[in-house]
Amino acid sequence: MALHLTTSLGGAVFYPTCLRLTVGALGTGVPDPLGLVSLPGTYSDNDSGIFYSQMFDASAP
């Protein structure tokens, strides 16, 4: 995730780069919908740590 542009809403850039997936059994299973995510769409500016308007403000905590 690139946060260098998070000083404005929509500035965070998400880079899914690696996925490790192991599939087993007989191929008749169905994934639990609660365990699935969509990219893009899983994260938003409202999530903690994504949007920080004071990123480059030297006086910010």
Protein backbone atom coordinates (compact mmCIF):
# COMPACT_ATOMS: atom_id res chain seq x y z
CA MET A 1 0.00 0.00 0.00
CA ALA A 2 1.37 3.39 -0.96
CA LEU A 3 0.46 6.09 1.55
CA HIS A 4 2.51 9.01 0.21
CA LEU A 5 -0.60 10.58 -1.37
CA THR A 6 -2.95 10.01 1.57
CA THR A 7 -3.10 13.72 2.31
CA SER A 8 -6.20 13.77 0.07
CA LEU A 9 -9.15 11.38 0.00
CA GLY A 10 -8.67 8.64 -2.57
CA GLY A 11 -4.90 9.10 -2.52
CA ALA A 12 -3.92 5.71 -1.08
CA VAL A 13 -2.84 3.20 -3.72
CA PHE A 14 -3.19 -0.52 -3.07
CA TYR A 15 -0.76 -2.95 -4.69
CA PRO A 16 -1.71 -6.58 -4.14
CA THR A 17 1.56 -8.27 -5.04
CA CYS A 18 1.53 -11.73 -3.57
CA LEU A 19 -1.06 -14.38 -2.94
CA ARG A 20 -0.49 -17.78 -1.46
CA LEU A 21 -3.35 -20.16 -2.11
CA THR A 22 -3.68 -23.84 -1.36
CA VAL A 23 -6.68 -25.68 -2.78
CA GLY A 24 -7.48 -29.19 -1.70
CA ALA A 25 -10.28 -31.75 -1.34
CA LEU A 26 -12.50 -33.00 -4.14
CA GLY A 27 -13.44 -29.65 -5.63
CA THR A 28 -17.00 -29.71 -4.30
CA GLY A 29 -16.60 -27.13 -1.53
CA VAL A 30 -17.94 -23.60 -1.55
CA PRO A 31 -16.03 -20.77 0.18
CA ASP A 32 -17.63 -19.01 3.12
CA PRO A 33 -18.76 -15.58 1.80
CA LEU A 34 -17.57 -13.97 5.05
CA GLY A 35 -13.99 -14.96 4.18
CA LEU A 36 -13.99 -13.41 0.70
CA VAL A 37 -12.72 -9.94 -0.20
CA SER A 38 -12.81 -7.84 -3.34
CA LEU A 39 -9.85 -5.85 -4.64
CA PRO A 40 -10.29 -3.00 -5.16
CA GLY A 41 -13.02 -2.42 -2.61
CA THR A 42 -11.77 -4.11 0.55
CA TYR A 43 -10.23 -0.93 1.97
CA SER A 44 -11.55 2.62 2.01
CA ASP A 45 -10.37 6.07 3.12
CA ASN A 46 -12.53 5.65 6.24
CA ASP A 47 -10.49 2.67 7.50
CA SER A 48 -8.04 3.40 10.30
CA GLY A 49 -4.58 4.36 9.03
CA ILE A 50 -5.54 4.85 5.37
CA PHE A 51 -6.30 8.58 5.20
CA TYR A 52 -4.03 10.90 7.16
CA SER A 53 -4.31 14.52 6.12
CA GLN A 54 -1.32 15.56 8.26
CA MET A 55 1.14 13.10 6.68
CA PHE A 56 3.73 15.79 5.89
CA ASP A 57 2.88 18.28 8.65
CA ALA A 58 5.99 18.54 10.85
CA SER A 59 3.91 19.72 13.80
CA ALA A 60 1.51 16.73 13.65
CA PRO A 61 1.85 13.95 16.24
